[in-house]
N, C-alpha and C. Protein backbone atom coordinates (compact mmCIF):
# COMPACT_ATOMS: atom_id res chain seq x y z
N MET A 1 117.89 151.78 70.41
CA MET A 1 116.77 151.49 71.28
C MET A 1 117.10 151.83 72.74
N CYS A 2 118.29 151.44 73.17
CA CYS A 2 118.69 151.72 74.56
C CYS A 2 118.80 153.22 74.81
N GLN A 3 119.29 153.95 73.82
CA GLN A 3 119.42 155.40 73.99
C GLN A 3 118.06 156.05 74.12
N ARG A 4 117.09 155.61 73.34
CA ARG A 4 115.75 156.17 73.45
C ARG A 4 115.12 155.85 74.80
N ALA A 5 115.34 154.64 75.29
CA ALA A 5 114.83 154.28 76.62
C ALA A 5 115.47 155.15 77.69
N GLU A 6 116.78 155.38 77.57
CA GLU A 6 117.49 156.22 78.52
C GLU A 6 116.96 157.65 78.50
N LEU A 7 116.74 158.20 77.33
CA LEU A 7 116.21 159.56 77.22
C LEU A 7 114.80 159.66 77.79
N ALA A 8 113.97 158.66 77.53
CA ALA A 8 112.61 158.66 78.06
C ALA A 8 112.63 158.57 79.58
N LEU A 9 113.48 157.72 80.13
CA LEU A 9 113.59 157.60 81.58
C LEU A 9 114.09 158.90 82.19
N GLY A 10 115.07 159.51 81.57
CA GLY A 10 115.60 160.78 82.07
C GLY A 10 114.54 161.87 82.11
N ASP A 11 113.73 161.95 81.08
CA ASP A 11 112.65 162.94 81.07
C ASP A 11 111.61 162.64 82.14
N ALA A 12 111.28 161.37 82.32
CA ALA A 12 110.29 160.99 83.33
C ALA A 12 110.81 161.28 84.74
N VAL A 13 112.08 161.02 84.97
CA VAL A 13 112.67 161.24 86.30
C VAL A 13 112.67 162.72 86.66
N LYS A 14 112.95 163.57 85.70
CA LYS A 14 113.02 165.01 85.97
C LYS A 14 111.68 165.60 86.39
N SER A 15 110.59 164.93 86.05
CA SER A 15 109.28 165.49 86.34
C SER A 15 108.73 165.04 87.70
N VAL A 16 109.43 164.16 88.42
CA VAL A 16 108.96 163.67 89.71
C VAL A 16 109.94 164.11 90.79
N PRO A 17 109.56 165.08 91.62
CA PRO A 17 110.49 165.64 92.61
C PRO A 17 111.04 164.58 93.59
N GLN A 18 110.22 163.63 93.99
CA GLN A 18 110.68 162.60 94.92
C GLN A 18 111.80 161.76 94.31
N VAL A 19 111.67 161.44 93.04
CA VAL A 19 112.70 160.64 92.36
C VAL A 19 113.98 161.46 92.21
N VAL A 20 113.84 162.74 91.93
CA VAL A 20 115.01 163.62 91.83
C VAL A 20 115.75 163.66 93.17
N HIS A 21 114.99 163.72 94.27
CA HIS A 21 115.59 163.74 95.61
C HIS A 21 116.33 162.43 95.89
N VAL A 22 115.70 161.30 95.58
CA VAL A 22 116.34 160.00 95.81
C VAL A 22 117.58 159.86 94.94
N LYS A 23 117.48 160.30 93.69
CA LYS A 23 118.64 160.23 92.79
C LYS A 23 119.80 161.06 93.34
N SER A 24 119.51 162.23 93.85
CA SER A 24 120.54 163.08 94.43
C SER A 24 121.17 162.42 95.65
N PHE A 25 120.35 161.85 96.52
CA PHE A 25 120.83 161.18 97.72
C PHE A 25 121.72 159.99 97.37
N LEU A 26 121.28 159.16 96.41
CA LEU A 26 122.08 158.00 95.99
C LEU A 26 123.38 158.44 95.33
N GLY A 27 123.34 159.53 94.59
CA GLY A 27 124.56 160.06 93.99
C GLY A 27 125.57 160.51 95.03
N LYS A 28 125.08 161.12 96.10
CA LYS A 28 125.98 161.55 97.18
C LYS A 28 126.57 160.36 97.92
N LEU A 29 125.75 159.33 98.15
CA LEU A 29 126.27 158.12 98.78
C LEU A 29 127.33 157.46 97.90
N TYR A 30 127.05 157.38 96.60
CA TYR A 30 128.00 156.80 95.66
C TYR A 30 129.32 157.57 95.69
N SER A 31 129.23 158.89 95.68
CA SER A 31 130.45 159.71 95.70
C SER A 31 131.23 159.52 97.00
N PHE A 32 130.51 159.48 98.11
CA PHE A 32 131.18 159.37 99.41
C PHE A 32 131.91 158.04 99.55
N PHE A 33 131.22 156.94 99.24
CA PHE A 33 131.84 155.63 99.42
C PHE A 33 132.68 155.19 98.23
N GLY A 34 132.39 155.68 97.06
CA GLY A 34 133.11 155.25 95.87
C GLY A 34 134.43 155.96 95.65
N GLN A 35 134.56 157.17 96.17
CA GLN A 35 135.76 157.95 95.91
C GLN A 35 136.71 158.03 97.10
N SER A 36 136.33 157.42 98.20
CA SER A 36 137.17 157.48 99.39
C SER A 36 137.56 156.07 99.84
N PRO A 37 138.81 155.69 99.69
CA PRO A 37 139.23 154.36 100.14
C PRO A 37 139.00 154.16 101.65
N LYS A 38 139.17 155.22 102.43
CA LYS A 38 138.96 155.12 103.87
C LYS A 38 137.50 154.82 104.17
N ALA A 39 136.59 155.53 103.53
CA ALA A 39 135.16 155.29 103.74
C ALA A 39 134.77 153.90 103.23
N GLN A 40 135.38 153.47 102.13
CA GLN A 40 135.12 152.14 101.58
C GLN A 40 135.52 151.05 102.57
N ARG A 41 136.67 151.21 103.22
CA ARG A 41 137.11 150.23 104.21
C ARG A 41 136.17 150.19 105.40
N LYS A 42 135.71 151.35 105.86
CA LYS A 42 134.78 151.39 106.98
C LYS A 42 133.46 150.72 106.62
N LEU A 43 133.00 150.93 105.40
CA LEU A 43 131.77 150.29 104.94
C LEU A 43 131.95 148.77 104.90
N GLU A 44 133.10 148.31 104.42
CA GLU A 44 133.37 146.87 104.38
C GLU A 44 133.46 146.29 105.78
N ASP A 45 134.00 147.04 106.73
CA ASP A 45 134.06 146.57 108.12
C ASP A 45 132.67 146.41 108.71
N CYS A 46 131.78 147.33 108.38
CA CYS A 46 130.40 147.27 108.89
C CYS A 46 129.61 146.12 108.27
N ALA A 47 130.01 145.69 107.10
CA ALA A 47 129.28 144.66 106.37
C ALA A 47 129.91 143.28 106.53
N THR A 48 130.50 143.01 107.70
CA THR A 48 131.19 141.73 107.88
C THR A 48 130.25 140.54 107.79
N HIS A 49 129.01 140.68 108.23
CA HIS A 49 128.07 139.56 108.21
C HIS A 49 127.10 139.65 107.04
N ASN A 50 127.25 140.63 106.21
CA ASN A 50 126.38 140.82 105.06
C ASN A 50 127.22 140.91 103.79
N GLU A 51 126.59 140.60 102.69
CA GLU A 51 127.28 140.70 101.41
C GLU A 51 127.28 142.16 100.96
N LEU A 52 128.43 142.68 100.62
CA LEU A 52 128.55 144.06 100.15
C LEU A 52 128.58 144.04 98.63
N VAL A 53 127.59 144.67 98.02
CA VAL A 53 127.48 144.69 96.57
C VAL A 53 127.90 146.07 96.08
N LYS A 54 128.81 146.10 95.14
CA LYS A 54 129.26 147.37 94.58
C LYS A 54 128.43 147.67 93.34
N ILE A 55 127.90 148.86 93.27
CA ILE A 55 127.12 149.28 92.13
C ILE A 55 127.66 150.58 91.58
N GLY A 56 127.30 150.89 90.37
CA GLY A 56 127.67 152.16 89.76
C GLY A 56 126.63 153.21 90.09
N ARG A 57 126.68 154.28 89.37
CA ARG A 57 125.70 155.34 89.58
C ARG A 57 124.31 154.86 89.16
N VAL A 58 123.34 155.20 89.95
CA VAL A 58 121.96 154.80 89.69
C VAL A 58 121.25 155.89 88.90
N LEU A 59 120.48 155.51 87.92
CA LEU A 59 119.72 156.43 87.06
C LEU A 59 120.64 157.39 86.33
N ASP A 60 121.79 156.90 85.91
CA ASP A 60 122.73 157.71 85.17
C ASP A 60 122.79 157.20 83.73
N VAL A 61 123.67 157.76 82.95
CA VAL A 61 123.78 157.38 81.55
C VAL A 61 124.00 155.88 81.43
N ARG A 62 123.24 155.25 80.58
CA ARG A 62 123.30 153.82 80.27
C ARG A 62 122.90 152.93 81.44
N TRP A 63 122.29 153.49 82.48
CA TRP A 63 121.85 152.68 83.60
C TRP A 63 120.76 151.72 83.19
N VAL A 64 119.84 152.16 82.35
CA VAL A 64 118.72 151.34 81.92
C VAL A 64 119.23 150.09 81.21
N ALA A 65 120.13 150.24 80.28
CA ALA A 65 120.64 149.11 79.50
C ALA A 65 121.50 148.19 80.36
N SER A 66 122.28 148.75 81.28
CA SER A 66 123.19 147.92 82.04
C SER A 66 122.55 147.32 83.28
N SER A 67 121.35 147.75 83.65
CA SER A 67 120.72 147.23 84.86
C SER A 67 120.17 145.83 84.66
N PHE A 68 120.02 145.39 83.43
CA PHE A 68 119.53 144.03 83.20
C PHE A 68 120.64 143.05 83.45
């Protein structure tokens, strides 16, 4: 069931250019902050008064099932 939901979401996302753009932007942010310890430290320094929530890739494989 989760795999079918994931496939349906993937097909729907590919047909909306705005969602594709947002997905690309979020993927680049994830790569920049997730793969660089230096960038991660700077992000944590900026979030001193706010809670910093770590997330995985958005709208990626198994995102639908794991987002609940």
